[in-house]
Amino acid sequence: MKKVEVIIESIYTNRLLEIFKEADVTGYTIIRDIEGCGSHGLKTADEANDLLSNNYIFTVCEEEKFERMIEKIRAFIDRYGGKCIISDSLVLLHEKK
């Protein structure tokens, strides 16, 4: 399993989710209006509208699905900016008894 974490400007969120969809990655979490400091300086979450804010999106997916989308995410980050962090992951599944 791979964990894919992406921080991007909120205006591009739907474009990234389209890449997830094309790779059949249907589960993800979005945390809106995040703030932090990076190569472009401090980015606050108190913007007047969410067009200029950043979102944090993460998913955990099977290796096969990850392989289908990684080059598209790389091209996405090259074009629109942002950060993408990939890590190996172990998911404990919960099954109802």
PDB file of N, CA and C in Angstrom:
ATOM      1  N   MET A   1       0.847  -1.178   0.000  1.00  0.00           N
ATOM      2  CA  MET A   1       0.000   0.000   0.000  1.00  0.00           C
ATOM      3  C   MET A   1       0.891   1.240   0.000  1.00  0.00           C
ATOM      4  N   LYS A   2       0.420   2.264  -0.673  1.00  0.00           N
ATOM      5  CA  LYS A   2       1.121   3.542  -0.730  1.00  0.00           C
ATOM      6  C   LYS A   2       0.216   4.634  -0.187  1.00  0.00           C
ATOM      7  N   LYS A   3       0.800   5.533   0.579  1.00  0.00           N
ATOM      8  CA  LYS A   3       0.091   6.717   1.018  1.00  0.00           C
ATOM      9  C   LYS A   3       0.569   7.863   0.151  1.00  0.00           C
ATOM     10  N   VAL A   4      -0.382   8.554  -0.451  1.00  0.00           N
ATOM     11  CA  VAL A   4      -0.088   9.685  -1.326  1.00  0.00           C
ATOM     12  C   VAL A   4      -0.669  10.928  -0.674  1.00  0.00           C
ATOM     13  N   GLU A   5       0.191  11.876  -0.347  1.00  0.00           N
ATOM     14  CA  GLU A   5      -0.232  13.125   0.284  1.00  0.00           C
ATOM     15  C   GLU A   5       0.098  14.270  -0.673  1.00  0.00           C
ATOM     16  N   VAL A   6      -0.874  15.110  -0.922  1.00  0.00           N
ATOM     17  CA  VAL A   6      -0.677  16.204  -1.869  1.00  0.00           C
ATOM     18  C   VAL A   6      -1.160  17.499  -1.231  1.00  0.00           C
ATOM     19  N   ILE A   7      -0.343  18.523  -1.326  1.00  0.00           N
ATOM     20  CA  ILE A   7      -0.731  19.863  -0.892  1.00  0.00           C
ATOM     21  C   ILE A   7      -0.734  20.739  -2.136  1.00  0.00           C
ATOM     22  N   ILE A   8      -1.900  21.287  -2.440  1.00  0.00           N
ATOM     23  CA  ILE A   8      -2.042  22.100  -3.652  1.00  0.00           C
ATOM     24  C   ILE A   8      -2.961  23.279  -3.379  1.00  0.00           C
ATOM     25  N   GLU A   9      -2.912  24.250  -4.286  1.00  0.00           N
ATOM     26  CA  GLU A   9      -3.862  25.348  -4.212  1.00  0.00           C
ATOM     27  C   GLU A   9      -5.256  24.781  -4.444  1.00  0.00           C
ATOM     28  N   SER A  10      -6.196  25.269  -3.674  1.00  0.00           N
ATOM     29  CA  SER A  10      -7.535  24.686  -3.688  1.00  0.00           C
ATOM     30  C   SER A  10      -8.203  24.736  -5.061  1.00  0.00           C
ATOM     31  N   ILE A  11      -7.852  25.707  -5.851  1.00  0.00           N
ATOM     32  CA  ILE A  11      -8.477  25.849  -7.164  1.00  0.00           C
ATOM     33  C   ILE A  11      -8.204  24.625  -8.062  1.00  0.00           C
ATOM     34  N   TYR A  12      -7.132  23.877  -7.766  1.00  0.00           N
ATOM     35  CA  TYR A  12      -6.771  22.715  -8.590  1.00  0.00           C
ATOM     36  C   TYR A  12      -7.238  21.381  -8.013  1.00  0.00           C
ATOM     37  N   THR A  13      -7.981  21.407  -6.962  1.00  0.00           N
ATOM     38  CA  THR A  13      -8.374  20.174  -6.281  1.00  0.00           C
ATOM     39  C   THR A  13      -9.134  19.217  -7.206  1.00  0.00           C
ATOM     40  N   ASN A  14     -10.104  19.717  -7.935  1.00  0.00           N
ATOM     41  CA  ASN A  14     -10.886  18.826  -8.805  1.00  0.00           C
ATOM     42  C   ASN A  14     -10.038  18.184  -9.896  1.00  0.00           C
ATOM     43  N   ARG A  15      -9.041  18.910 -10.376  1.00  0.00           N
ATOM     44  CA  ARG A  15      -8.152  18.330 -11.403  1.00  0.00           C
ATOM     45  C   ARG A  15      -7.357  17.162 -10.820  1.00  0.00           C
ATOM     46  N   LEU A  16      -6.894  17.310  -9.586  1.00  0.00           N
ATOM     47  CA  LEU A  16      -6.171  16.209  -8.939  1.00  0.00           C
ATOM     48  C   LEU A  16      -7.106  15.027  -8.693  1.00  0.00           C
ATOM     49  N   LEU A  17      -8.315  15.309  -8.247  1.00  0.00           N
ATOM     50  CA  LEU A  17      -9.267  14.221  -7.982  1.00  0.00           C
ATOM     51  C   LEU A  17      -9.625  13.466  -9.261  1.00  0.00           C
ATOM     52  N   GLU A  18      -9.555  14.136 -10.398  1.00  0.00           N
ATOM     53  CA  GLU A  18      -9.790  13.460 -11.672  1.00  0.00           C
ATOM     54  C   GLU A  18      -8.691  12.424 -11.931  1.00  0.00           C
ATOM     55  N   ILE A  19      -7.464  12.743 -11.558  1.00  0.00           N
ATOM     56  CA  ILE A  19      -6.352  11.782 -11.698  1.00  0.00           C
ATOM     57  C   ILE A  19      -6.602  10.580 -10.794  1.00  0.00           C
ATOM     58  N   PHE A  20      -7.039  10.820  -9.568  1.00  0.00           N
ATOM     59  CA  PHE A  20      -7.378   9.718  -8.658  1.00  0.00           C
ATOM     60  C   PHE A  20      -8.452   8.830  -9.300  1.00  0.00           C
ATOM     61  N   LYS A  21      -9.492   9.474  -9.829  1.00  0.00           N
ATOM     62  CA  LYS A  21     -10.613   8.735 -10.422  1.00  0.00           C
ATOM     63  C   LYS A  21     -10.151   7.879 -11.597  1.00  0.00           C
ATOM     64  N   GLU A  22      -9.300   8.445 -12.451  1.00  0.00           N
ATOM     65  CA  GLU A  22      -8.799   7.697 -13.612  1.00  0.00           C
ATOM     66  C   GLU A  22      -8.007   6.458 -13.181  1.00  0.00           C
ATOM     67  N   ALA A  23      -7.383   6.515 -12.013  1.00  0.00           N
ATOM     68  CA  ALA A  23      -6.611   5.375 -11.490  1.00  0.00           C
ATOM     69  C   ALA A  23      -7.469   4.472 -10.616  1.00  0.00           C
ATOM     70  N   ASP A  24      -8.766   4.768 -10.557  1.00  0.00           N
ATOM     71  CA  ASP A  24      -9.713   3.989  -9.748  1.00  0.00           C
ATOM     72  C   ASP A  24      -9.425   4.108  -8.252  1.00  0.00           C
ATOM     73  N   VAL A  25      -8.892   5.251  -7.856  1.00  0.00           N
ATOM     74  CA  VAL A  25      -8.693   5.556  -6.439  1.00  0.00           C
ATOM     75  C   VAL A  25      -9.914   6.345  -5.984  1.00  0.00           C
ATOM     76  N   THR A  26     -10.779   5.697  -5.251  1.00  0.00           N
ATOM     77  CA  THR A  26     -12.062   6.319  -4.906  1.00  0.00           C
ATOM     78  C   THR A  26     -12.128   6.816  -3.467  1.00  0.00           C
ATOM     79  N   GLY A  27     -11.190   6.419  -2.641  1.00  0.00           N
ATOM     80  CA  GLY A  27     -11.189   6.863  -1.252  1.00  0.00           C
ATOM     81  C   GLY A  27     -10.086   7.883  -1.010  1.00  0.00           C
ATOM     82  N   TYR A  28     -10.437   9.003  -0.447  1.00  0.00           N
ATOM     83  CA  TYR A  28      -9.453  10.040  -0.138  1.00  0.00           C
ATOM     84  C   TYR A  28     -10.024  10.961   0.921  1.00  0.00           C
ATOM     85  N   THR A  29      -9.147  11.755   1.503  1.00  0.00           N
ATOM     86  CA  THR A  29      -9.550  12.757   2.492  1.00  0.00           C
ATOM     87  C   THR A  29      -9.024  14.110   2.058  1.00  0.00           C
ATOM     88  N   ILE A  30      -9.853  15.131   2.214  1.00  0.00           N
ATOM     89  CA  ILE A  30      -9.453  16.501   1.889  1.00  0.00           C
ATOM     90  C   ILE A  30      -9.552  17.336   3.163  1.00  0.00           C
ATOM     91  N   ILE A  31      -8.482  18.009   3.477  1.00  0.00           N
ATOM     92  CA  ILE A  31      -8.491  18.977   4.573  1.00  0.00           C
ATOM     93  C   ILE A  31      -8.292  20.347   3.934  1.00  0.00           C
ATOM     94  N   ARG A  32      -9.304  21.179   4.064  1.00  0.00           N
ATOM     95  CA  ARG A  32      -9.295  22.475   3.377  1.00  0.00           C
ATOM     96  C   ARG A  32      -8.658  23.559   4.241  1.00  0.00           C
ATOM     97  N   ASP A  33      -8.186  24.591   3.537  1.00  0.00           N
ATOM     98  CA  ASP A  33      -7.668  25.802   4.172  1.00  0.00           C
ATOM     99  C   ASP A  33      -6.537  25.529   5.151  1.00  0.00           C
ATOM    100  N   ILE A  34      -5.551  24.788   4.701  1.00  0.00           N
ATOM    101  CA  ILE A  34      -4.400  24.528   5.558  1.00  0.00           C
ATOM    102  C   ILE A  34      -3.423  25.696   5.462  1.00  0.00           C
ATOM    103  N   GLU A  35      -2.575  25.821   6.435  1.00  0.00           N
ATOM    104  CA  GLU A  35      -1.567  26.863   6.383  1.00  0.00           C
ATOM    105  C   GLU A  35      -0.215  26.293   6.764  1.00  0.00           C
ATOM    106  N   GLY A  36       0.835  26.987   6.309  1.00  0.00           N
ATOM    107  CA  GLY A  36       2.185  26.541   6.605  1.00  0.00           C
ATOM    108  C   GLY A  36       3.178  27.416   5.871  1.00  0.00           C
ATOM    109  N   CYS A  37       4.428  27.038   5.964  1.00  0.00           N
ATOM    110  CA  CYS A  37       5.489  27.826   5.342  1.00  0.00           C
ATOM    111  C   CYS A  37       6.329  26.904   4.472  1.00  0.00           C
ATOM    112  N   GLY A  38       6.546  27.308   3.226  1.00  0.00           N
ATOM    113  CA  GLY A  38       7.331  26.516   2.295  1.00  0.00           C
ATOM    114  C   GLY A  38       8.198  27.411   1.445  1.00  0.00           C
ATOM    115  N   SER A  39       8.554  26.939   0.257  1.00  0.00           N
ATOM    116  CA  SER A  39       9.456  27.695  -0.609  1.00  0.00           C
ATOM    117  C   SER A  39       8.855  29.018  -1.079  1.00  0.00           C
ATOM    118  N   HIS A  40       7.538  29.128  -1.033  1.00  0.00           N
ATOM    119  CA  HIS A  40       6.883  30.384  -1.425  1.00  0.00           C
ATOM    120  C   HIS A  40       6.534  31.245  -0.218  1.00  0.00           C
ATOM    121  N   GLY A  41       7.088  30.915   0.934  1.00  0.00           N
ATOM    122  CA  GLY A  41       6.834  31.707   2.129  1.00  0.00           C
ATOM    123  C   GLY A  41       5.617  31.219   2.885  1.00  0.00           C
ATOM    124  N   LEU A  42       5.191  32.048   3.804  1.00  0.00           N
ATOM    125  CA  LEU A  42       4.064  31.699   4.662  1.00  0.00           C
ATOM    126  C   LEU A  42       2.757  31.746   3.881  1.00  0.00           C
ATOM    127  N   LYS A  43       1.964  30.717   4.025  1.00  0.00           N
ATOM    128  CA  LYS A  43       0.643  30.658   3.396  1.00  0.00           C
ATOM    129  C   LYS A  43      -0.358  30.503   4.530  1.00  0.00           C
ATOM    130  N   THR A  44      -1.178  31.527   4.714  1.00  0.00           N
ATOM    131  CA  THR A  44      -2.149  31.481   5.805  1.00  0.00           C
ATOM    132  C   THR A  44      -3.480  30.935   5.321  1.00  0.00           C
ATOM    133  N   ALA A  45      -4.301  30.560   6.261  1.00  0.00           N
ATOM    134  CA  ALA A  45      -5.605  29.983   5.927  1.00  0.00           C
ATOM    135  C   ALA A  45      -6.725  30.985   6.101  1.00  0.00           C
ATOM    136  N   ASP A  46      -6.377  32.237   6.261  1.00  0.00           N
ATOM    137  CA  ASP A  46      -7.421  33.220   6.503  1.00  0.00           C
ATOM    138  C   ASP A  46      -7.722  34.069   5.269  1.00  0.00           C
ATOM    139  N   GLU A  47      -7.549  33.493   4.101  1.00  0.00           N
ATOM    140  CA  GLU A  47      -7.846  34.217   2.879  1.00  0.00           C
ATOM    141  C   GLU A  47      -9.337  34.550   2.825  1.00  0.00           C
ATOM    142  N   ALA A  48      -9.665  35.627   2.128  1.00  0.00           N
ATOM    143  CA  ALA A  48     -11.062  36.052   2.027  1.00  0.00           C
ATOM    144  C   ALA A  48     -11.907  35.025   1.281  1.00  0.00           C
ATOM    145  N   ASN A  49     -11.312  34.333   0.342  1.00  0.00           N
ATOM    146  CA  ASN A  49     -12.031  33.244  -0.339  1.00  0.00           C
ATOM    147  C   ASN A  49     -11.096  32.051  -0.446  1.00  0.00           C
ATOM    148  N   ASP A  50     -11.643  30.920  -0.764  1.00  0.00           N
ATOM    149  CA  ASP A  50     -10.808  29.712  -0.753  1.00  0.00           C
ATOM    150  C   ASP A  50     -10.052  29.480  -2.049  1.00  0.00           C
ATOM    151  N   LEU A  51     -10.171  30.372  -3.019  1.00  0.00           N
ATOM    152  CA  LEU A  51      -9.445  30.197  -4.279  1.00  0.00           C
ATOM    153  C   LEU A  51      -7.937  30.281  -4.076  1.00  0.00           C
ATOM    154  N   LEU A  52      -7.497  31.055  -3.089  1.00  0.00           N
ATOM    155  CA  LEU A  52      -6.067  31.234  -2.865  1.00  0.00           C
ATOM    156  C   LEU A  52      -5.540  30.377  -1.718  1.00  0.00           C
ATOM    157  N   SER A  53      -6.385  29.599  -1.117  1.00  0.00           N
ATOM    158  CA  SER A  53      -5.942  28.777   0.006  1.00  0.00           C
ATOM    159  C   SER A  53      -5.386  27.444  -0.492  1.00  0.00           C
ATOM    160  N   ASN A  54      -4.760  26.702   0.409  1.00  0.00           N
ATOM    161  CA  ASN A  54      -4.219  25.392   0.074  1.00  0.00           C
ATOM    162  C   ASN A  54      -5.088  24.295   0.666  1.00  0.00           C
ATOM    163  N   ASN A  55      -5.129  23.173  -0.020  1.00  0.00           N
ATOM    164  CA  ASN A  55      -5.798  21.975   0.477  1.00  0.00           C
ATOM    165  C   ASN A  55      -4.772  20.863   0.632  1.00  0.00           C
ATOM    166  N   TYR A  56      -5.034  20.004   1.604  1.00  0.00           N
ATOM    167  CA  TYR A  56      -4.228  18.802   1.820  1.00  0.00           C
ATOM    168  C   TYR A  56      -5.124  17.615   1.487  1.00  0.00           C
ATOM    169  N   ILE A  57      -4.674  16.801   0.557  1.00  0.00           N
ATOM    170  CA  ILE A  57      -5.462  15.651   0.105  1.00  0.00           C
ATOM    171  C   ILE A  57      -4.601  14.408   0.288  1.00  0.00           C
ATOM    172  N   PHE A  58      -5.163  13.391   0.903  1.00  0.00           N
ATOM    173  CA  PHE A  58      -4.382  12.156   0.999  1.00  0.00           C
ATOM    174  C   PHE A  58      -5.247  10.944   0.729  1.00  0.00           C
ATOM    175  N   THR A  59      -4.560   9.931   0.258  1.00  0.00           N
ATOM    176  CA  THR A  59      -5.207   8.652   0.015  1.00  0.00           C
ATOM    177  C   THR A  59      -4.215   7.538   0.309  1.00  0.00           C
ATOM    178  N   VAL A  60      -4.735   6.377   0.567  1.00  0.00           N
ATOM    179  CA  VAL A  60      -3.920   5.172   0.681  1.00  0.00           C
ATOM    180  C   VAL A  60      -4.483   4.200  -0.342  1.00  0.00           C
ATOM    181  N   CYS A  61      -3.614   3.695  -1.204  1.00  0.00           N
ATOM    182  CA  CYS A  61      -4.113   2.844  -2.288  1.00  0.00           C
ATOM    183  C   CYS A  61      -3.159   1.683  -2.548  1.00  0.00           C
ATOM    184  N   GLU A  62      -3.661   0.724  -3.295  1.00  0.00           N
ATOM    185  CA  GLU A  62      -2.845  -0.420  -3.676  1.00  0.00           C
ATOM    186  C   GLU A  62      -1.736   0.045  -4.622  1.00  0.00           C
ATOM    187  N   GLU A  63      -0.631  -0.691  -4.603  1.00  0.00           N
ATOM    188  CA  GLU A  63       0.531  -0.360  -5.433  1.00  0.00           C
ATOM    189  C   GLU A  63       0.147  -0.224  -6.911  1.00  0.00           C
ATOM    190  N   GLU A  64      -0.703  -1.099  -7.387  1.00  0.00           N
ATOM    191  CA  GLU A  64      -1.109  -1.089  -8.796  1.00  0.00           C
ATOM    192  C   GLU A  64      -1.796   0.227  -9.160  1.00  0.00           C
ATOM    193  N   LYS A  65      -2.671   0.711  -8.314  1.00  0.00           N
ATOM    194  CA  LYS A  65      -3.349   1.976  -8.578  1.00  0.00           C
ATOM    195  C   LYS A  65      -2.379   3.145  -8.482  1.00  0.00           C
ATOM    196  N   PHE A  66      -1.466   3.058  -7.518  1.00  0.00           N
ATOM    197  CA  PHE A  66      -0.432   4.078  -7.371  1.00  0.00           C
ATOM    198  C   PHE A  66       0.392   4.189  -8.652  1.00  0.00           C
ATOM    199  N   GLU A  67       0.784   3.049  -9.203  1.00  0.00           N
ATOM    200  CA  GLU A  67       1.604   3.053 -10.425  1.00  0.00           C
ATOM    201  C   GLU A  67       0.854   3.693 -11.588  1.00  0.00           C
ATOM    202  N   ARG A  68      -0.482   3.544 -11.601  1.00  0.00           N
ATOM    203  CA  ARG A  68      -1.280   4.125 -12.685  1.00  0.00           C
ATOM    204  C   ARG A  68      -1.316   5.648 -12.634  1.00  0.00           C
ATOM    205  N   MET A  69      -1.157   6.214 -11.460  1.00  0.00           N
ATOM    206  CA  MET A  69      -1.344   7.666 -11.357  1.00  0.00           C
ATOM    207  C   MET A  69      -0.081   8.464 -11.047  1.00  0.00           C
ATOM    208  N   ILE A  70       1.033   7.824 -10.704  1.00  0.00           N
ATOM    209  CA  ILE A  70       2.181   8.585 -10.221  1.00  0.00           C
ATOM    210  C   ILE A  70       2.753   9.541 -11.275  1.00  0.00           C
ATOM    211  N   GLU A  71       2.840   9.117 -12.520  1.00  0.00           N
ATOM    212  CA  GLU A  71       3.390  10.018 -13.544  1.00  0.00           C
ATOM    213  C   GLU A  71       2.435  11.182 -13.816  1.00  0.00           C
ATOM    214  N   LYS A  72       1.138  10.931 -13.710  1.00  0.00           N
ATOM    215  CA  LYS A  72       0.168  12.017 -13.898  1.00  0.00           C
ATOM    216  C   LYS A  72       0.261  13.019 -12.753  1.00  0.00           C
ATOM    217  N   ILE A  73       0.483  12.528 -11.550  1.00  0.00           N
ATOM    218  CA  ILE A  73       0.638  13.443 -10.410  1.00  0.00           C
ATOM    219  C   ILE A  73       1.928  14.241 -10.560  1.00  0.00           C
ATOM    220  N   ARG A  74       2.994  13.595 -11.017  1.00  0.00           N
ATOM    221  CA  ARG A  74       4.258  14.302 -11.238  1.00  0.00           C
ATOM    222  C   ARG A  74       4.059  15.437 -12.255  1.00  0.00           C
ATOM    223  N   ALA A  75       3.372  15.154 -13.355  1.00  0.00           N
ATOM    224  CA  ALA A  75       3.113  16.183 -14.372  1.00  0.00           C
ATOM    225  C   ALA A  75       2.213  17.286 -13.806  1.00  0.00           C
ATOM    226  N   PHE A  76       1.249  16.879 -12.976  1.00  0.00           N
ATOM    227  CA  PHE A  76       0.353  17.847 -12.340  1.00  0.00           C
ATOM    228  C   PHE A  76       1.146  18.818 -11.467  1.00  0.00           C
ATOM    229  N   ILE A  77       2.035  18.301 -10.616  1.00  0.00           N
ATOM    230  CA  ILE A  77       2.834  19.144  -9.727  1.00  0.00           C
ATOM    231  C   ILE A  77       3.776  20.036 -10.541  1.00  0.00           C
ATOM    232  N   ASP A  78       4.352  19.490 -11.605  1.00  0.00           N
ATOM    233  CA  ASP A  78       5.222  20.303 -12.464  1.00  0.00           C
ATOM    234  C   ASP A  78       4.452  21.487 -13.046  1.00  0.00           C
ATOM    235  N   ARG A  79       3.205  21.250 -13.401  1.00  0.00           N
ATOM    236  CA  ARG A  79       2.409  22.294 -14.067  1.00  0.00           C
ATOM    237  C   ARG A  79       1.788  23.290 -13.088  1.00  0.00           C
ATOM    238  N   TYR A  80       1.205  22.768 -11.998  1.00  0.00           N
ATOM    239  CA  TYR A  80       0.416  23.633 -11.118  1.00  0.00           C
ATOM    240  C   TYR A  80       1.094  23.948  -9.793  1.00  0.00           C
ATOM    241  N   GLY A  81       2.211  23.280  -9.489  1.00  0.00           N
ATOM    242  CA  GLY A  81       2.889  23.500  -8.222  1.00  0.00           C
ATOM    243  C   GLY A  81       2.294  22.642  -7.127  1.00  0.00           C
ATOM    244  N   GLY A  82       2.866  22.763  -5.959  1.00  0.00           N
ATOM    245  CA  GLY A  82       2.403  21.986  -4.823  1.00  0.00           C
ATOM    246  C   GLY A  82       3.451  20.991  -4.372  1.00  0.00           C
ATOM    247  N   LYS A  83       3.059  20.158  -3.462  1.00  0.00           N
ATOM    248  CA  LYS A  83       3.941  19.115  -2.920  1.00  0.00           C
ATOM    249  C   LYS A  83       3.219  17.785  -2.980  1.00  0.00           C
ATOM    250  N   CYS A  84       3.981  16.739  -3.241  1.00  0.00           N
ATOM    251  CA  CYS A  84       3.434  15.385  -3.204  1.00  0.00           C
ATOM    252  C   CYS A  84       4.415  14.522  -2.420  1.00  0.00           C
ATOM    253  N   ILE A  85       3.919  13.879  -1.413  1.00  0.00           N
ATOM    254  CA  ILE A  85       4.736  13.019  -0.555  1.00  0.00           C
ATOM    255  C   ILE A  85       4.199  11.600  -0.668  1.00  0.00           C
ATOM    256  N   ILE A  86       5.082  10.661  -0.951  1.00  0.00           N
ATOM    257  CA  ILE A  86       4.706   9.252  -1.120  1.00  0.00           C
ATOM    258  C   ILE A  86       5.383   8.455  -0.020  1.00  0.00           C
ATOM    259  N   SER A  87       4.663   7.543   0.588  1.00  0.00           N
ATOM    260  CA  SER A  87       5.288   6.683   1.591  1.00  0.00           C
ATOM    261  C   SER A  87       4.632   5.306   1.559  1.00  0.00           C
ATOM    262  N   ASP A  88       5.410   4.325   1.978  1.00  0.00           N
ATOM    263  CA  ASP A  88       4.848   2.987   2.152  1.00  0.00           C
ATOM    264  C   ASP A  88       3.906   3.033   3.346  1.00  0.00           C
ATOM    265  N   SER A  89       2.871   2.227   3.298  1.00  0.00           N
ATOM    266  CA  SER A  89       1.866   2.314   4.338  1.00  0.00           C
ATOM    267  C   SER A  89       1.332   0.930   4.696  1.00  0.00           C
ATOM    268  N   LEU A  90       0.938   0.803   5.921  1.00  0.00           N
ATOM    269  CA  LEU A  90       0.280  -0.406   6.400  1.00  0.00           C
ATOM    270  C   LEU A  90      -1.067   0.022   6.964  1.00  0.00           C
ATOM    271  N   VAL A  91      -2.112  -0.578   6.489  1.00  0.00           N
ATOM    272  CA  VAL A  91      -3.457  -0.217   6.929  1.00  0.00           C
ATOM    273  C   VAL A  91      -4.032  -1.374   7.731  1.00  0.00           C
ATOM    274  N   LEU A  92      -4.484  -1.065   8.916  1.00  0.00           N
ATOM    275  CA  LEU A  92      -5.176  -2.061   9.714  1.00  0.00           C
ATOM    276  C   LEU A  92      -6.649  -1.997   9.350  1.00  0.00           C
ATOM    277  N   LEU A  93      -7.147  -3.060   8.810  1.00  0.00           N
ATOM    278  CA  LEU A  93      -8.540  -3.075   8.387  1.00  0.00           C
ATOM    279  C   LEU A  93      -9.432  -3.458   9.542  1.00  0.00           C
ATOM    280  N   HIS A  94     -10.552  -2.828   9.576  1.00  0.00           N
ATOM    281  CA  HIS A  94     -11.538  -3.098  10.601  1.00  0.00           C
ATOM    282  C   HIS A  94     -12.664  -3.909   9.975  1.00  0.00           C
ATOM    283  N   GLU A  95     -12.933  -5.059  10.522  1.00  0.00           N
ATOM    284  CA  GLU A  95     -14.041  -5.864  10.035  1.00  0.00           C
ATOM    285  C   GLU A  95     -15.070  -5.999  11.131  1.00  0.00           C
ATOM    286  N   LYS A  96     -16.340  -5.857  10.745  1.00  0.00           N
ATOM    287  CA  LYS A  96     -17.421  -6.004  11.707  1.00  0.00           C
ATOM    288  C   LYS A  96     -17.604  -7.483  12.033  1.00  0.00           C
ATOM    289  N   LYS A  97     -17.876  -7.768  13.298  1.00  0.00           N
ATOM    290  CA  LYS A  97     -18.115  -9.152  13.704  1.00  0.00           C
ATOM    291  C   LYS A  97     -19.590  -9.430  13.786  1.00  0.00           C
TER     292      LYS A  97
END
